[in-house]
């Protein structure tokens, strides 16, 4: 099984946090970690953005969705997949994470899966 790097992205992400720059800082950290993973992973590897937006987190979900899809396009020539899982805090997403890191999801990149 190829290596998968899980990048957590969570925190308050309402309009006040977006205006104050907190959301930007969260995304900057997630981008840096995901970018570094893409550069060091061998072909067949995967990066998973695990987003737990909490209440009023539409700004963070939209930003993570955009980041996921952009990184997926950038990482594709390297043979690395980038996907995201969006879930409420404490949700059991182990099966989704396992699936996205497995050979069964080899054709899945740029996907944003929402766990309810």
PDB file of N, CA and C in Angstrom:
ATOM      1  N   UNK A   1       0.839  -1.179   0.000  1.00  0.00           N
ATOM      2  CA  UNK A   1       0.000   0.000   0.000  1.00  0.00           C
ATOM      3  C   UNK A   1       0.883   1.240   0.000  1.00  0.00           C
ATOM      4  N   UNK A   2       0.521   2.203  -0.835  1.00  0.00           N
ATOM      5  CA  UNK A   2       1.281   3.445  -0.931  1.00  0.00           C
ATOM      6  C   UNK A   2       1.070   4.305   0.314  1.00  0.00           C
ATOM      7  N   UNK A   3       1.982   5.206   0.523  1.00  0.00           N
ATOM      8  CA  UNK A   3       1.908   6.075   1.691  1.00  0.00           C
ATOM      9  C   UNK A   3       0.814   7.127   1.522  1.00  0.00           C
ATOM     10  N   UNK A   4       0.123   7.414   2.628  1.00  0.00           N
ATOM     11  CA  UNK A   4      -0.870   8.481   2.653  1.00  0.00           C
ATOM     12  C   UNK A   4      -0.541   9.421   3.805  1.00  0.00           C
ATOM     13  N   UNK A   5      -0.536  10.709   3.529  1.00  0.00           N
ATOM     14  CA  UNK A   5      -0.301  11.718   4.549  1.00  0.00           C
ATOM     15  C   UNK A   5      -1.624  12.411   4.836  1.00  0.00           C
ATOM     16  N   UNK A   6      -2.038  12.413   6.105  1.00  0.00           N
ATOM     17  CA  UNK A   6      -3.277  13.075   6.511  1.00  0.00           C
ATOM     18  C   UNK A   6      -2.921  14.436   7.107  1.00  0.00           C
ATOM     19  N   UNK A   7      -3.510  15.488   6.530  1.00  0.00           N
ATOM     20  CA  UNK A   7      -3.259  16.860   6.975  1.00  0.00           C
ATOM     21  C   UNK A   7      -4.525  17.365   7.659  1.00  0.00           C
ATOM     22  N   UNK A   8      -4.481  17.577   8.989  1.00  0.00           N
ATOM     23  CA  UNK A   8      -5.669  18.077   9.681  1.00  0.00           C
ATOM     24  C   UNK A   8      -5.871  19.575   9.452  1.00  0.00           C
ATOM     25  N   UNK A   9      -7.131  19.959   9.235  1.00  0.00           N
ATOM     26  CA  UNK A   9      -7.492  21.371   9.084  1.00  0.00           C
ATOM     27  C   UNK A   9      -8.746  21.578   9.923  1.00  0.00           C
ATOM     28  N   UNK A  10      -8.599  22.202  11.086  1.00  0.00           N
ATOM     29  CA  UNK A  10      -9.769  22.422  11.924  1.00  0.00           C
ATOM     30  C   UNK A  10      -9.600  23.706  12.720  1.00  0.00           C
ATOM     31  N   UNK A  11     -10.722  24.241  13.120  1.00  0.00           N
ATOM     32  CA  UNK A  11     -10.724  25.462  13.908  1.00  0.00           C
ATOM     33  C   UNK A  11     -11.955  26.280  13.608  1.00  0.00           C
ATOM     34  N   UNK A  12     -12.135  27.338  14.357  1.00  0.00           N
ATOM     35  CA  UNK A  12     -13.263  28.231  14.117  1.00  0.00           C
ATOM     36  C   UNK A  12     -13.049  28.914  12.776  1.00  0.00           C
ATOM     37  N   UNK A  13     -14.126  29.007  12.010  1.00  0.00           N
ATOM     38  CA  UNK A  13     -13.957  29.526  10.653  1.00  0.00           C
ATOM     39  C   UNK A  13     -15.172  30.307  10.191  1.00  0.00           C
ATOM     40  N   UNK A  14     -15.726  31.108  11.054  1.00  0.00           N
ATOM     41  CA  UNK A  14     -16.838  31.962  10.666  1.00  0.00           C
ATOM     42  C   UNK A  14     -16.339  33.220   9.983  1.00  0.00           C
ATOM     43  N   UNK A  15     -17.242  34.132   9.750  1.00  0.00           N
ATOM     44  CA  UNK A  15     -16.872  35.387   9.078  1.00  0.00           C
ATOM     45  C   UNK A  15     -15.885  36.202   9.899  1.00  0.00           C
ATOM     46  N   UNK A  16     -16.044  36.206  11.219  1.00  0.00           N
ATOM     47  CA  UNK A  16     -15.120  36.970  12.067  1.00  0.00           C
ATOM     48  C   UNK A  16     -13.699  36.418  11.949  1.00  0.00           C
ATOM     49  N   UNK A  17     -13.566  35.090  11.933  1.00  0.00           N
ATOM     50  CA  UNK A  17     -12.237  34.484  11.811  1.00  0.00           C
ATOM     51  C   UNK A  17     -11.656  34.699  10.421  1.00  0.00           C
ATOM     52  N   UNK A  18     -12.513  34.712   9.418  1.00  0.00           N
ATOM     53  CA  UNK A  18     -12.037  34.993   8.059  1.00  0.00           C
ATOM     54  C   UNK A  18     -11.528  36.420   7.968  1.00  0.00           C
ATOM     55  N   UNK A  19     -12.260  37.351   8.560  1.00  0.00           N
ATOM     56  CA  UNK A  19     -11.872  38.762   8.508  1.00  0.00           C
ATOM     57  C   UNK A  19     -10.606  39.039   9.314  1.00  0.00           C
ATOM     58  N   UNK A  20     -10.402  38.311  10.405  1.00  0.00           N
ATOM     59  CA  UNK A  20      -9.235  38.555  11.256  1.00  0.00           C
ATOM     60  C   UNK A  20      -7.964  37.875  10.746  1.00  0.00           C
ATOM     61  N   UNK A  21      -8.113  36.985   9.774  1.00  0.00           N
ATOM     62  CA  UNK A  21      -6.939  36.296   9.235  1.00  0.00           C
ATOM     63  C   UNK A  21      -6.706  34.919   9.818  1.00  0.00           C
ATOM     64  N   UNK A  22      -7.546  34.496  10.777  1.00  0.00           N
ATOM     65  CA  UNK A  22      -7.360  33.177  11.382  1.00  0.00           C
ATOM     66  C   UNK A  22      -7.536  32.052  10.364  1.00  0.00           C
ATOM     67  N   UNK A  23      -8.521  32.187   9.491  1.00  0.00           N
ATOM     68  CA  UNK A  23      -8.756  31.157   8.475  1.00  0.00           C
ATOM     69  C   UNK A  23      -7.574  31.101   7.520  1.00  0.00           C
ATOM     70  N   UNK A  24      -7.050  32.257   7.176  1.00  0.00           N
ATOM     71  CA  UNK A  24      -5.888  32.313   6.293  1.00  0.00           C
ATOM     72  C   UNK A  24      -4.690  31.590   6.917  1.00  0.00           C
ATOM     73  N   UNK A  25      -4.497  31.773   8.210  1.00  0.00           N
ATOM     74  CA  UNK A  25      -3.389  31.098   8.893  1.00  0.00           C
ATOM     75  C   UNK A  25      -3.593  29.578   8.894  1.00  0.00           C
ATOM     76  N   UNK A  26      -4.834  29.125   9.155  1.00  0.00           N
ATOM     77  CA  UNK A  26      -5.130  27.686   9.117  1.00  0.00           C
ATOM     78  C   UNK A  26      -4.804  27.105   7.745  1.00  0.00           C
ATOM     79  N   UNK A  27      -5.259  27.805   6.709  1.00  0.00           N
ATOM     80  CA  UNK A  27      -5.048  27.310   5.352  1.00  0.00           C
ATOM     81  C   UNK A  27      -3.575  27.373   4.949  1.00  0.00           C
ATOM     82  N   UNK A  28      -2.884  28.395   5.383  1.00  0.00           N
ATOM     83  CA  UNK A  28      -1.458  28.496   5.077  1.00  0.00           C
ATOM     84  C   UNK A  28      -0.678  27.324   5.647  1.00  0.00           C
ATOM     85  N   UNK A  29      -0.990  26.977   6.889  1.00  0.00           N
ATOM     86  CA  UNK A  29      -0.328  25.834   7.526  1.00  0.00           C
ATOM     87  C   UNK A  29      -0.668  24.530   6.804  1.00  0.00           C
ATOM     88  N   UNK A  30      -1.958  24.355   6.467  1.00  0.00           N
ATOM     89  CA  UNK A  30      -2.387  23.135   5.768  1.00  0.00           C
ATOM     90  C   UNK A  30      -1.751  23.055   4.387  1.00  0.00           C
ATOM     91  N   UNK A  31      -1.707  24.170   3.681  1.00  0.00           N
ATOM     92  CA  UNK A  31      -1.096  24.182   2.355  1.00  0.00           C
ATOM     93  C   UNK A  31       0.379  23.796   2.430  1.00  0.00           C
ATOM     94  N   UNK A  32       1.105  24.375   3.374  1.00  0.00           N
ATOM     95  CA  UNK A  32       2.535  24.088   3.496  1.00  0.00           C
ATOM     96  C   UNK A  32       2.772  22.603   3.784  1.00  0.00           C
ATOM     97  N   UNK A  33       1.988  22.035   4.683  1.00  0.00           N
ATOM     98  CA  UNK A  33       2.150  20.620   5.022  1.00  0.00           C
ATOM     99  C   UNK A  33       1.792  19.721   3.836  1.00  0.00           C
ATOM    100  N   UNK A  34       0.688  20.054   3.150  1.00  0.00           N
ATOM    101  CA  UNK A  34       0.262  19.250   1.997  1.00  0.00           C
ATOM    102  C   UNK A  34       1.260  19.376   0.846  1.00  0.00           C
ATOM    103  N   UNK A  35       1.744  20.574   0.586  1.00  0.00           N
ATOM    104  CA  UNK A  35       2.724  20.789  -0.484  1.00  0.00           C
ATOM    105  C   UNK A  35       3.997  19.992  -0.223  1.00  0.00           C
ATOM    106  N   UNK A  36       4.478  20.035   1.009  1.00  0.00           N
ATOM    107  CA  UNK A  36       5.686  19.284   1.352  1.00  0.00           C
ATOM    108  C   UNK A  36       5.467  17.785   1.175  1.00  0.00           C
ATOM    109  N   UNK A  37       4.276  17.309   1.531  1.00  0.00           N
ATOM    110  CA  UNK A  37       3.961  15.888   1.363  1.00  0.00           C
ATOM    111  C   UNK A  37       3.935  15.504  -0.110  1.00  0.00           C
ATOM    112  N   UNK A  38       3.312  16.335  -0.936  1.00  0.00           N
ATOM    113  CA  UNK A  38       3.246  16.055  -2.381  1.00  0.00           C
ATOM    114  C   UNK A  38       4.653  15.945  -2.959  1.00  0.00           C
ATOM    115  N   UNK A  39       5.539  16.811  -2.531  1.00  0.00           N
ATOM    116  CA  UNK A  39       6.897  16.822  -3.074  1.00  0.00           C
ATOM    117  C   UNK A  39       7.739  15.620  -2.635  1.00  0.00           C
ATOM    118  N   UNK A  40       7.434  15.052  -1.463  1.00  0.00           N
ATOM    119  CA  UNK A  40       8.252  13.935  -0.985  1.00  0.00           C
ATOM    120  C   UNK A  40       7.640  12.563  -1.243  1.00  0.00           C
ATOM    121  N   UNK A  41       6.348  12.501  -1.566  1.00  0.00           N
ATOM    122  CA  UNK A  41       5.709  11.208  -1.801  1.00  0.00           C
ATOM    123  C   UNK A  41       6.111  10.614  -3.142  1.00  0.00           C
ATOM    124  N   UNK A  42       6.211   9.299  -3.166  1.00  0.00           N
ATOM    125  CA  UNK A  42       6.457   8.587  -4.418  1.00  0.00           C
ATOM    126  C   UNK A  42       5.163   8.515  -5.212  1.00  0.00           C
ATOM    127  N   UNK A  43       5.253   8.273  -6.527  1.00  0.00           N
ATOM    128  CA  UNK A  43       4.026   8.080  -7.314  1.00  0.00           C
ATOM    129  C   UNK A  43       3.157   6.986  -6.688  1.00  0.00           C
ATOM    130  N   UNK A  44       1.870   7.224  -6.660  1.00  0.00           N
ATOM    131  CA  UNK A  44       0.934   6.318  -6.018  1.00  0.00           C
ATOM    132  C   UNK A  44       0.569   6.750  -4.608  1.00  0.00           C
ATOM    133  N   UNK A  45       1.321   7.702  -4.080  1.00  0.00           N
ATOM    134  CA  UNK A  45       1.039   8.214  -2.739  1.00  0.00           C
ATOM    135  C   UNK A  45      -0.185   9.115  -2.741  1.00  0.00           C
ATOM    136  N   UNK A  46      -0.624   9.474  -1.534  1.00  0.00           N
ATOM    137  CA  UNK A  46      -1.830  10.283  -1.419  1.00  0.00           C
ATOM    138  C   UNK A  46      -1.724  11.273  -0.267  1.00  0.00           C
ATOM    139  N   UNK A  47      -2.370  12.404  -0.463  1.00  0.00           N
ATOM    140  CA  UNK A  47      -2.503  13.415   0.586  1.00  0.00           C
ATOM    141  C   UNK A  47      -3.988  13.551   0.867  1.00  0.00           C
ATOM    142  N   UNK A  48      -4.353  13.560   2.135  1.00  0.00           N
ATOM    143  CA  UNK A  48      -5.744  13.713   2.527  1.00  0.00           C
ATOM    144  C   UNK A  48      -5.872  14.911   3.452  1.00  0.00           C
ATOM    145  N   UNK A  49      -6.679  15.876   3.056  1.00  0.00           N
ATOM    146  CA  UNK A  49      -6.995  17.010   3.906  1.00  0.00           C
ATOM    147  C   UNK A  49      -8.197  16.608   4.753  1.00  0.00           C
ATOM    148  N   UNK A  50      -8.020  16.546   6.065  1.00  0.00           N
ATOM    149  CA  UNK A  50      -9.106  16.162   6.973  1.00  0.00           C
ATOM    150  C   UNK A  50      -9.625  17.432   7.635  1.00  0.00           C
ATOM    151  N   UNK A  51     -10.792  17.871   7.206  1.00  0.00           N
ATOM    152  CA  UNK A  51     -11.364  19.138   7.640  1.00  0.00           C
ATOM    153  C   UNK A  51     -12.474  18.920   8.657  1.00  0.00           C
ATOM    154  N   UNK A  52     -12.331  19.561   9.810  1.00  0.00           N
ATOM    155  CA  UNK A  52     -13.367  19.563  10.834  1.00  0.00           C
ATOM    156  C   UNK A  52     -13.725  21.018  11.107  1.00  0.00           C
ATOM    157  N   UNK A  53     -14.718  21.547  10.362  1.00  0.00           N
ATOM    158  CA  UNK A  53     -14.990  22.973  10.424  1.00  0.00           C
ATOM    159  C   UNK A  53     -15.756  23.454  11.648  1.00  0.00           C
ATOM    160  N   UNK A  54     -16.418  22.581  12.371  1.00  0.00           N
ATOM    161  CA  UNK A  54     -17.218  23.041  13.503  1.00  0.00           C
ATOM    162  C   UNK A  54     -18.423  23.821  13.022  1.00  0.00           C
ATOM    163  N   UNK A  55     -19.050  24.558  13.924  1.00  0.00           N
ATOM    164  CA  UNK A  55     -20.210  25.362  13.548  1.00  0.00           C
ATOM    165  C   UNK A  55     -19.761  26.574  12.761  1.00  0.00           C
ATOM    166  N   UNK A  56     -20.606  27.024  11.867  1.00  0.00           N
ATOM    167  CA  UNK A  56     -20.346  28.228  11.075  1.00  0.00           C
ATOM    168  C   UNK A  56     -19.036  28.107  10.300  1.00  0.00           C
ATOM    169  N   UNK A  57     -18.797  26.920   9.734  1.00  0.00           N
ATOM    170  CA  UNK A  57     -17.524  26.671   9.075  1.00  0.00           C
ATOM    171  C   UNK A  57     -17.573  26.667   7.570  1.00  0.00           C
ATOM    172  N   UNK A  58     -18.589  27.291   6.984  1.00  0.00           N
ATOM    173  CA  UNK A  58     -18.724  27.281   5.522  1.00  0.00           C
ATOM    174  C   UNK A  58     -17.509  27.889   4.831  1.00  0.00           C
ATOM    175  N   UNK A  59     -16.919  28.902   5.437  1.00  0.00           N
ATOM    176  CA  UNK A  59     -15.737  29.544   4.849  1.00  0.00           C
ATOM    177  C   UNK A  59     -14.588  28.544   4.763  1.00  0.00           C
ATOM    178  N   UNK A  60     -14.370  27.795   5.833  1.00  0.00           N
ATOM    179  CA  UNK A  60     -13.282  26.820   5.856  1.00  0.00           C
ATOM    180  C   UNK A  60     -13.541  25.678   4.884  1.00  0.00           C
ATOM    181  N   UNK A  61     -14.775  25.202   4.815  1.00  0.00           N
ATOM    182  CA  UNK A  61     -15.111  24.111   3.894  1.00  0.00           C
ATOM    183  C   UNK A  61     -14.871  24.550   2.455  1.00  0.00           C
ATOM    184  N   UNK A  62     -15.299  25.751   2.109  1.00  0.00           N
ATOM    185  CA  UNK A  62     -15.077  26.256   0.750  1.00  0.00           C
ATOM    186  C   UNK A  62     -13.602  26.397   0.431  1.00  0.00           C
ATOM    187  N   UNK A  63     -12.839  26.883   1.379  1.00  0.00           N
ATOM    188  CA  UNK A  63     -11.406  27.060   1.167  1.00  0.00           C
ATOM    189  C   UNK A  63     -10.682  25.718   1.036  1.00  0.00           C
ATOM    190  N   UNK A  64     -11.042  24.749   1.869  1.00  0.00           N
ATOM    191  CA  UNK A  64     -10.418  23.429   1.795  1.00  0.00           C
ATOM    192  C   UNK A  64     -10.790  22.744   0.484  1.00  0.00           C
ATOM    193  N   UNK A  65     -12.031  22.914   0.046  1.00  0.00           N
ATOM    194  CA  UNK A  65     -12.460  22.349  -1.235  1.00  0.00           C
ATOM    195  C   UNK A  65     -11.612  22.901  -2.370  1.00  0.00           C
ATOM    196  N   UNK A  66     -11.429  24.195  -2.387  1.00  0.00           N
ATOM    197  CA  UNK A  66     -10.617  24.825  -3.429  1.00  0.00           C
ATOM    198  C   UNK A  66      -9.156  24.376  -3.347  1.00  0.00           C
ATOM    199  N   UNK A  67      -8.615  24.327  -2.136  1.00  0.00           N
ATOM    200  CA  UNK A  67      -7.235  23.886  -1.942  1.00  0.00           C
ATOM    201  C   UNK A  67      -7.053  22.452  -2.416  1.00  0.00           C
ATOM    202  N   UNK A  68      -7.994  21.582  -2.079  1.00  0.00           N
ATOM    203  CA  UNK A  68      -7.924  20.173  -2.474  1.00  0.00           C
ATOM    204  C   UNK A  68      -7.890  20.040  -3.992  1.00  0.00           C
ATOM    205  N   UNK A  69      -8.801  20.693  -4.653  1.00  0.00           N
ATOM    206  CA  UNK A  69      -8.896  20.546  -6.107  1.00  0.00           C
ATOM    207  C   UNK A  69      -7.701  21.159  -6.827  1.00  0.00           C
ATOM    208  N   UNK A  70      -7.202  22.267  -6.307  1.00  0.00           N
ATOM    209  CA  UNK A  70      -6.023  22.894  -6.919  1.00  0.00           C
ATOM    210  C   UNK A  70      -4.783  22.024  -6.735  1.00  0.00           C
ATOM    211  N   UNK A  71      -4.572  21.534  -5.506  1.00  0.00           N
ATOM    212  CA  UNK A  71      -3.416  20.667  -5.255  1.00  0.00           C
ATOM    213  C   UNK A  71      -3.515  19.366  -6.041  1.00  0.00           C
ATOM    214  N   UNK A  72      -4.730  18.851  -6.218  1.00  0.00           N
ATOM    215  CA  UNK A  72      -4.902  17.616  -6.994  1.00  0.00           C
ATOM    216  C   UNK A  72      -4.419  17.814  -8.424  1.00  0.00           C
ATOM    217  N   UNK A  73      -4.763  18.953  -9.016  1.00  0.00           N
ATOM    218  CA  UNK A  73      -4.295  19.234 -10.388  1.00  0.00           C
ATOM    219  C   UNK A  73      -2.776  19.391 -10.431  1.00  0.00           C
ATOM    220  N   UNK A  74      -2.217  20.035  -9.425  1.00  0.00           N
ATOM    221  CA  UNK A  74      -0.769  20.251  -9.393  1.00  0.00           C
ATOM    222  C   UNK A  74       0.003  18.950  -9.134  1.00  0.00           C
ATOM    223  N   UNK A  75      -0.570  18.058  -8.322  1.00  0.00           N
ATOM    224  CA  UNK A  75       0.124  16.832  -7.933  1.00  0.00           C
ATOM    225  C   UNK A  75      -0.049  15.697  -8.934  1.00  0.00           C
ATOM    226  N   UNK A  76      -1.046  15.792  -9.797  1.00  0.00           N
ATOM    227  CA  UNK A  76      -1.338  14.703 -10.737  1.00  0.00           C
ATOM    228  C   UNK A  76      -0.141  14.300 -11.599  1.00  0.00           C
ATOM    229  N   UNK A  77       0.620  15.239 -12.163  1.00  0.00           N
ATOM    230  CA  UNK A  77       1.772  14.823 -12.977  1.00  0.00           C
ATOM    231  C   UNK A  77       2.824  14.034 -12.183  1.00  0.00           C
ATOM    232  N   UNK A  78       2.841  14.197 -10.870  1.00  0.00           N
ATOM    233  CA  UNK A  78       3.779  13.457 -10.017  1.00  0.00           C
ATOM    234  C   UNK A  78       3.230  12.080  -9.626  1.00  0.00           C
ATOM    235  N   UNK A  79       1.955  11.812  -9.992  1.00  0.00           N
ATOM    236  CA  UNK A  79       1.338  10.535  -9.638  1.00  0.00           C
ATOM    237  C   UNK A  79       0.846  10.492  -8.205  1.00  0.00           C
ATOM    238  N   UNK A  80       0.632  11.660  -7.599  1.00  0.00           N
ATOM    239  CA  UNK A  80       0.168  11.753  -6.216  1.00  0.00           C
ATOM    240  C   UNK A  80      -1.274  12.248  -6.214  1.00  0.00           C
ATOM    241  N   UNK A  81      -2.113  11.588  -5.426  1.00  0.00           N
ATOM    242  CA  UNK A  81      -3.522  11.972  -5.316  1.00  0.00           C
ATOM    243  C   UNK A  81      -3.730  12.891  -4.126  1.00  0.00           C
ATOM    244  N   UNK A  82      -4.662  13.831  -4.268  1.00  0.00           N
ATOM    245  CA  UNK A  82      -5.036  14.727  -3.170  1.00  0.00           C
ATOM    246  C   UNK A  82      -6.553  14.712  -3.055  1.00  0.00           C
ATOM    247  N   UNK A  83      -7.052  14.392  -1.868  1.00  0.00           N
ATOM    248  CA  UNK A  83      -8.483  14.359  -1.599  1.00  0.00           C
ATOM    249  C   UNK A  83      -8.747  15.007  -0.251  1.00  0.00           C
ATOM    250  N   UNK A  84     -10.027  15.204   0.063  1.00  0.00           N
ATOM    251  CA  UNK A  84     -10.402  15.799   1.345  1.00  0.00           C
ATOM    252  C   UNK A  84     -11.616  15.082   1.919  1.00  0.00           C
ATOM    253  N   UNK A  85     -11.670  15.064   3.239  1.00  0.00           N
ATOM    254  CA  UNK A  85     -12.834  14.582   3.978  1.00  0.00           C
ATOM    255  C   UNK A  85     -13.265  15.718   4.893  1.00  0.00           C
ATOM    256  N   UNK A  86     -14.535  16.087   4.799  1.00  0.00           N
ATOM    257  CA  UNK A  86     -15.110  17.126   5.653  1.00  0.00           C
ATOM    258  C   UNK A  86     -16.074  16.439   6.612  1.00  0.00           C
ATOM    259  N   UNK A  87     -15.856  16.626   7.910  1.00  0.00           N
ATOM    260  CA  UNK A  87     -16.688  15.952   8.911  1.00  0.00           C
ATOM    261  C   UNK A  87     -16.849  16.817  10.148  1.00  0.00           C
ATOM    262  N   UNK A  88     -17.945  16.598  10.826  1.00  0.00           N
ATOM    263  CA  UNK A  88     -18.142  17.298  12.099  1.00  0.00           C
ATOM    264  C   UNK A  88     -17.108  16.771  13.100  1.00  0.00           C
ATOM    265  N   UNK A  89     -16.734  17.566  14.091  1.00  0.00           N
ATOM    266  CA  UNK A  89     -15.754  17.105  15.074  1.00  0.00           C
ATOM    267  C   UNK A  89     -16.212  15.810  15.755  1.00  0.00           C
ATOM    268  N   UNK A  90     -15.317  14.872  15.874  1.00  0.00           N
ATOM    269  CA  UNK A  90     -15.607  13.604  16.515  1.00  0.00           C
ATOM    270  C   UNK A  90     -16.230  12.551  15.613  1.00  0.00           C
ATOM    271  N   UNK A  91     -16.524  12.897  14.371  1.00  0.00           N
ATOM    272  CA  UNK A  91     -17.128  11.926  13.455  1.00  0.00           C
ATOM    273  C   UNK A  91     -16.124  10.819  13.156  1.00  0.00           C
ATOM    274  N   UNK A  92     -16.622   9.614  12.982  1.00  0.00           N
ATOM    275  CA  UNK A  92     -15.770   8.469  12.673  1.00  0.00           C
ATOM    276  C   UNK A  92     -15.545   8.425  11.154  1.00  0.00           C
ATOM    277  N   UNK A  93     -14.379   8.829  10.733  1.00  0.00           N
ATOM    278  CA  UNK A  93     -14.063   8.856   9.304  1.00  0.00           C
ATOM    279  C   UNK A  93     -12.947   7.873   8.961  1.00  0.00           C
ATOM    280  N   UNK A  94     -12.683   6.947   9.858  1.00  0.00           N
ATOM    281  CA  UNK A  94     -11.586   5.997   9.654  1.00  0.00           C
ATOM    282  C   UNK A  94     -11.751   5.202   8.362  1.00  0.00           C
ATOM    283  N   UNK A  95     -12.972   4.768   8.056  1.00  0.00           N
ATOM    284  CA  UNK A  95     -13.198   3.971   6.838  1.00  0.00           C
ATOM    285  C   UNK A  95     -12.957   4.808   5.588  1.00  0.00           C
ATOM    286  N   UNK A  96     -13.368   6.069   5.609  1.00  0.00           N
ATOM    287  CA  UNK A  96     -13.117   6.955   4.466  1.00  0.00           C
ATOM    288  C   UNK A  96     -11.619   7.179   4.268  1.00  0.00           C
ATOM    289  N   UNK A  97     -10.926   7.418   5.364  1.00  0.00           N
ATOM    290  CA  UNK A  97      -9.475   7.641   5.281  1.00  0.00           C
ATOM    291  C   UNK A  97      -8.775   6.398   4.756  1.00  0.00           C
ATOM    292  N   UNK A  98      -9.199   5.233   5.252  1.00  0.00           N
ATOM    293  CA  UNK A  98      -8.605   3.980   4.781  1.00  0.00           C
ATOM    294  C   UNK A  98      -8.862   3.775   3.287  1.00  0.00           C
ATOM    295  N   UNK A  99     -10.101   4.023   2.856  1.00  0.00           N
ATOM    296  CA  UNK A  99     -10.441   3.870   1.440  1.00  0.00           C
ATOM    297  C   UNK A  99      -9.603   4.804   0.572  1.00  0.00           C
ATOM    298  N   UNK A 100      -9.510   6.079   0.947  1.00  0.00           N
ATOM    299  CA  UNK A 100      -8.780   7.042   0.125  1.00  0.00           C
ATOM    300  C   UNK A 100      -7.278   6.780   0.092  1.00  0.00           C
ATOM    301  N   UNK A 101      -6.770   6.020   1.042  1.00  0.00           N
ATOM    302  CA  UNK A 101      -5.365   5.647   1.034  1.00  0.00           C
ATOM    303  C   UNK A 101      -5.089   4.309   0.380  1.00  0.00           C
ATOM    304  N   UNK A 102      -6.143   3.624  -0.044  1.00  0.00           N
ATOM    305  CA  UNK A 102      -5.975   2.282  -0.597  1.00  0.00           C
ATOM    306  C   UNK A 102      -5.878   2.287  -2.123  1.00  0.00           C
ATOM    307  N   UNK A 103      -5.504   1.141  -2.657  1.00  0.00           N
ATOM    308  CA  UNK A 103      -5.425   0.984  -4.110  1.00  0.00           C
ATOM    309  C   UNK A 103      -6.798   1.082  -4.766  1.00  0.00           C
ATOM    310  N   UNK A 104      -7.863   0.853  -4.012  1.00  0.00           N
ATOM    311  CA  UNK A 104      -9.219   0.933  -4.562  1.00  0.00           C
ATOM    312  C   UNK A 104      -9.580   2.348  -5.006  1.00  0.00           C
ATOM    313  N   UNK A 105      -8.899   3.341  -4.464  1.00  0.00           N
ATOM    314  CA  UNK A 105      -9.219   4.729  -4.810  1.00  0.00           C
ATOM    315  C   UNK A 105      -8.194   5.347  -5.762  1.00  0.00           C
ATOM    316  N   UNK A 106      -7.475   4.514  -6.469  1.00  0.00           N
ATOM    317  CA  UNK A 106      -6.388   4.996  -7.322  1.00  0.00           C
ATOM    318  C   UNK A 106      -6.862   6.003  -8.384  1.00  0.00           C
ATOM    319  N   UNK A 107      -8.108   5.948  -8.782  1.00  0.00           N
ATOM    320  CA  UNK A 107      -8.624   6.881  -9.793  1.00  0.00           C
ATOM    321  C   UNK A 107      -9.341   8.072  -9.169  1.00  0.00           C
ATOM    322  N   UNK A 108      -9.237   8.228  -7.861  1.00  0.00           N
ATOM    323  CA  UNK A 108      -9.943   9.280  -7.144  1.00  0.00           C
ATOM    324  C   UNK A 108      -8.967  10.362  -6.716  1.00  0.00           C
ATOM    325  N   UNK A 109      -9.083  11.540  -7.291  1.00  0.00           N
ATOM    326  CA  UNK A 109      -8.263  12.671  -6.866  1.00  0.00           C
ATOM    327  C   UNK A 109      -9.072  13.949  -7.059  1.00  0.00           C
ATOM    328  N   UNK A 110      -8.882  14.871  -6.143  1.00  0.00           N
ATOM    329  CA  UNK A 110      -9.652  16.115  -6.177  1.00  0.00           C
ATOM    330  C   UNK A 110     -11.038  15.971  -5.579  1.00  0.00           C
ATOM    331  N   UNK A 111     -11.322  14.832  -4.949  1.00  0.00           N
ATOM    332  CA  UNK A 111     -12.640  14.588  -4.372  1.00  0.00           C
ATOM    333  C   UNK A 111     -12.735  15.174  -2.961  1.00  0.00           C
ATOM    334  N   UNK A 112     -13.888  15.714  -2.647  1.00  0.00           N
ATOM    335  CA  UNK A 112     -14.173  16.208  -1.307  1.00  0.00           C
ATOM    336  C   UNK A 112     -15.373  15.426  -0.801  1.00  0.00           C
ATOM    337  N   UNK A 113     -15.129  14.520   0.142  1.00  0.00           N
ATOM    338  CA  UNK A 113     -16.183  13.670   0.685  1.00  0.00           C
ATOM    339  C   UNK A 113     -16.673  14.251   1.995  1.00  0.00           C
ATOM    340  N   UNK A 114     -17.983  14.334   2.157  1.00  0.00           N
ATOM    341  CA  UNK A 114     -18.561  14.879   3.385  1.00  0.00           C
ATOM    342  C   UNK A 114     -19.124  13.748   4.226  1.00  0.00           C
ATOM    343  N   UNK A 115     -18.614  13.606   5.428  1.00  0.00           N
ATOM    344  CA  UNK A 115     -19.091  12.595   6.373  1.00  0.00           C
ATOM    345  C   UNK A 115     -20.123  13.236   7.271  1.00  0.00           C
ATOM    346  N   UNK A 116     -21.259  12.600   7.374  1.00  0.00           N
ATOM    347  CA  UNK A 116     -22.356  13.158   8.175  1.00  0.00           C
ATOM    348  C   UNK A 116     -22.364  12.537   9.537  1.00  0.00           C
TER     349      UNK A 116
END
